[in-house]
Amino acid sequence: MAAVSPTDLQKALSGAEYPADSDRLRKVAEDNHAPKEITDRLAHLGKKKFRSPAEVSKEVFRNA
């Protein structure tokens, strides 16, 4: 996958309300016109609920 920065991820998730699962976060990113690389990464997080943007970043970049 193409390089995604933490800043890009947070911009894509602007307006997200937490806690949120990966499906909801992917929808927010799509609504924010995020690049496919970001929506793909969010889609592959599983059904876990995230309590904060920091938790999302940690999971997205854990295996990057």
N, C-alpha and C. Protein backbone atom coordinates (compact mmCIF):
# COMPACT_ATOMS: atom_id res chain seq x y z
N MET A 1 0.84 -1.19 0.00
CA MET A 1 0.00 0.00 0.00
C MET A 1 0.88 1.24 0.00
N ALA A 2 0.33 2.29 -0.53
CA ALA A 2 1.04 3.55 -0.56
C ALA A 2 1.22 4.09 0.85
N ALA A 3 2.18 4.96 0.99
CA ALA A 3 2.46 5.54 2.30
C ALA A 3 1.29 6.41 2.75
N VAL A 4 0.90 6.22 3.99
CA VAL A 4 -0.15 7.01 4.62
C VAL A 4 0.47 7.59 5.88
N SER A 5 0.34 8.89 6.05
CA SER A 5 0.90 9.51 7.25
C SER A 5 -0.16 9.60 8.34
N PRO A 6 0.27 9.70 9.60
CA PRO A 6 -0.69 9.89 10.68
C PRO A 6 -1.55 11.14 10.47
N THR A 7 -0.97 12.17 9.90
CA THR A 7 -1.72 13.40 9.63
C THR A 7 -2.82 13.14 8.60
N ASP A 8 -2.49 12.39 7.54
CA ASP A 8 -3.49 12.04 6.53
C ASP A 8 -4.64 11.25 7.16
N LEU A 9 -4.29 10.32 8.02
CA LEU A 9 -5.31 9.50 8.68
C LEU A 9 -6.23 10.36 9.53
N GLN A 10 -5.66 11.25 10.32
CA GLN A 10 -6.48 12.09 11.19
C GLN A 10 -7.37 13.05 10.39
N LYS A 11 -6.87 13.55 9.27
CA LYS A 11 -7.71 14.38 8.39
C LYS A 11 -8.88 13.57 7.85
N ALA A 12 -8.60 12.33 7.47
CA ALA A 12 -9.64 11.46 6.93
C ALA A 12 -10.72 11.17 7.97
N LEU A 13 -10.33 11.14 9.24
CA LEU A 13 -11.27 10.82 10.31
C LEU A 13 -11.86 12.05 10.99
N SER A 14 -11.64 13.20 10.40
CA SER A 14 -12.18 14.44 10.96
C SER A 14 -13.69 14.34 11.10
N GLY A 15 -14.17 14.63 12.28
CA GLY A 15 -15.60 14.60 12.54
C GLY A 15 -16.11 13.27 13.07
N ALA A 16 -15.24 12.28 13.18
CA ALA A 16 -15.66 10.98 13.71
C ALA A 16 -15.99 11.11 15.19
N GLU A 17 -17.02 10.39 15.60
CA GLU A 17 -17.40 10.36 17.01
C GLU A 17 -17.00 9.01 17.59
N TYR A 18 -16.40 9.06 18.76
CA TYR A 18 -15.89 7.85 19.41
C TYR A 18 -16.72 7.55 20.65
N PRO A 19 -16.87 6.27 20.99
CA PRO A 19 -16.29 5.09 20.36
C PRO A 19 -16.92 4.83 18.99
N ALA A 20 -16.13 4.21 18.11
CA ALA A 20 -16.59 3.89 16.77
C ALA A 20 -15.90 2.62 16.29
N ASP A 21 -16.64 1.83 15.51
CA ASP A 21 -16.02 0.63 14.95
C ASP A 21 -15.41 0.96 13.60
N SER A 22 -14.69 0.01 13.04
CA SER A 22 -13.96 0.26 11.80
C SER A 22 -14.89 0.57 10.64
N ASP A 23 -16.09 -0.03 10.61
CA ASP A 23 -17.03 0.28 9.53
C ASP A 23 -17.45 1.75 9.56
N ARG A 24 -17.73 2.25 10.75
CA ARG A 24 -18.12 3.66 10.90
C ARG A 24 -16.96 4.58 10.54
N LEU A 25 -15.76 4.23 10.96
CA LEU A 25 -14.59 5.06 10.65
C LEU A 25 -14.32 5.08 9.15
N ARG A 26 -14.48 3.94 8.50
CA ARG A 26 -14.30 3.89 7.04
C ARG A 26 -15.32 4.77 6.35
N LYS A 27 -16.56 4.77 6.82
CA LYS A 27 -17.61 5.61 6.24
C LYS A 27 -17.27 7.10 6.42
N VAL A 28 -16.79 7.48 7.59
CA VAL A 28 -16.38 8.86 7.83
C VAL A 28 -15.26 9.24 6.86
N ALA A 29 -14.28 8.36 6.71
CA ALA A 29 -13.16 8.63 5.80
C ALA A 29 -13.65 8.78 4.36
N GLU A 30 -14.56 7.92 3.95
CA GLU A 30 -15.11 8.04 2.60
C GLU A 30 -15.85 9.37 2.43
N ASP A 31 -16.63 9.74 3.42
CA ASP A 31 -17.36 11.02 3.37
C ASP A 31 -16.41 12.22 3.31
N ASN A 32 -15.20 12.04 3.88
CA ASN A 32 -14.17 13.09 3.85
C ASN A 32 -13.28 12.99 2.62
N HIS A 33 -13.66 12.12 1.67
CA HIS A 33 -12.92 11.94 0.41
C HIS A 33 -11.48 11.50 0.63
N ALA A 34 -11.31 10.59 1.59
CA ALA A 34 -9.97 10.07 1.87
C ALA A 34 -9.50 9.18 0.73
N PRO A 35 -8.19 9.09 0.54
CA PRO A 35 -7.64 8.20 -0.48
C PRO A 35 -8.00 6.75 -0.18
N LYS A 36 -8.03 5.95 -1.22
CA LYS A 36 -8.36 4.53 -1.10
C LYS A 36 -7.42 3.81 -0.14
N GLU A 37 -6.18 4.20 -0.08
CA GLU A 37 -5.22 3.56 0.82
C GLU A 37 -5.70 3.64 2.28
N ILE A 38 -6.28 4.77 2.64
CA ILE A 38 -6.76 4.95 4.01
C ILE A 38 -8.03 4.13 4.24
N THR A 39 -8.98 4.20 3.33
CA THR A 39 -10.22 3.44 3.54
C THR A 39 -9.94 1.94 3.54
N ASP A 40 -8.98 1.50 2.73
CA ASP A 40 -8.61 0.08 2.73
C ASP A 40 -8.02 -0.34 4.08
N ARG A 41 -7.15 0.47 4.60
CA ARG A 41 -6.55 0.14 5.91
C ARG A 41 -7.61 0.09 7.00
N LEU A 42 -8.54 1.03 6.98
CA LEU A 42 -9.61 1.03 7.98
C LEU A 42 -10.50 -0.20 7.82
N ALA A 43 -10.76 -0.60 6.59
CA ALA A 43 -11.60 -1.76 6.35
C ALA A 43 -10.97 -3.05 6.87
N HIS A 44 -9.67 -3.09 6.96
CA HIS A 44 -8.97 -4.29 7.40
C HIS A 44 -8.70 -4.33 8.91
N LEU A 45 -9.30 -3.43 9.66
CA LEU A 45 -9.07 -3.40 11.10
C LEU A 45 -9.93 -4.39 11.87
N GLY A 46 -10.91 -4.99 11.22
CA GLY A 46 -11.82 -5.88 11.93
C GLY A 46 -12.94 -5.08 12.58
N LYS A 47 -13.70 -5.72 13.41
CA LYS A 47 -14.88 -5.10 14.01
C LYS A 47 -14.61 -4.45 15.36
N LYS A 48 -13.36 -4.28 15.69
CA LYS A 48 -12.99 -3.68 16.97
C LYS A 48 -13.55 -2.28 17.13
N LYS A 49 -13.91 -1.92 18.36
CA LYS A 49 -14.34 -0.55 18.66
C LYS A 49 -13.12 0.24 19.13
N PHE A 50 -13.03 1.45 18.64
CA PHE A 50 -11.94 2.34 19.00
C PHE A 50 -12.48 3.48 19.84
N ARG A 51 -11.76 3.82 20.91
CA ARG A 51 -12.20 4.86 21.83
C ARG A 51 -11.65 6.24 21.50
N SER A 52 -10.64 6.29 20.62
CA SER A 52 -10.01 7.58 20.34
C SER A 52 -9.26 7.52 19.01
N PRO A 53 -8.94 8.68 18.44
CA PRO A 53 -8.12 8.71 17.24
C PRO A 53 -6.74 8.07 17.47
N ALA A 54 -6.21 8.21 18.67
CA ALA A 54 -4.90 7.61 18.97
C ALA A 54 -4.95 6.09 18.87
N GLU A 55 -6.05 5.48 19.32
CA GLU A 55 -6.17 4.03 19.21
C GLU A 55 -6.23 3.59 17.75
N VAL A 56 -6.91 4.36 16.92
CA VAL A 56 -7.00 4.05 15.49
C VAL A 56 -5.61 4.12 14.87
N SER A 57 -4.90 5.20 15.13
CA SER A 57 -3.55 5.37 14.57
C SER A 57 -2.64 4.23 14.99
N LYS A 58 -2.69 3.87 16.26
CA LYS A 58 -1.84 2.79 16.77
C LYS A 58 -2.11 1.50 15.99
N GLU A 59 -3.36 1.18 15.77
CA GLU A 59 -3.71 -0.05 15.07
C GLU A 59 -3.37 0.02 13.58
N VAL A 60 -3.65 1.14 12.94
CA VAL A 60 -3.38 1.29 11.52
C VAL A 60 -1.87 1.19 11.23
N PHE A 61 -1.06 1.79 12.06
CA PHE A 61 0.38 1.83 11.81
C PHE A 61 1.16 0.73 12.51
N ARG A 62 0.47 -0.13 13.23
CA ARG A 62 1.12 -1.23 13.97
C ARG A 62 1.90 -2.14 13.02
N ASN A 63 1.32 -2.48 11.90
CA ASN A 63 1.97 -3.40 10.96
C ASN A 63 2.43 -2.69 9.68
N ALA A 64 2.49 -1.40 9.72
CA ALA A 64 2.85 -0.64 8.49
C ALA A 64 4.34 -0.70 8.24
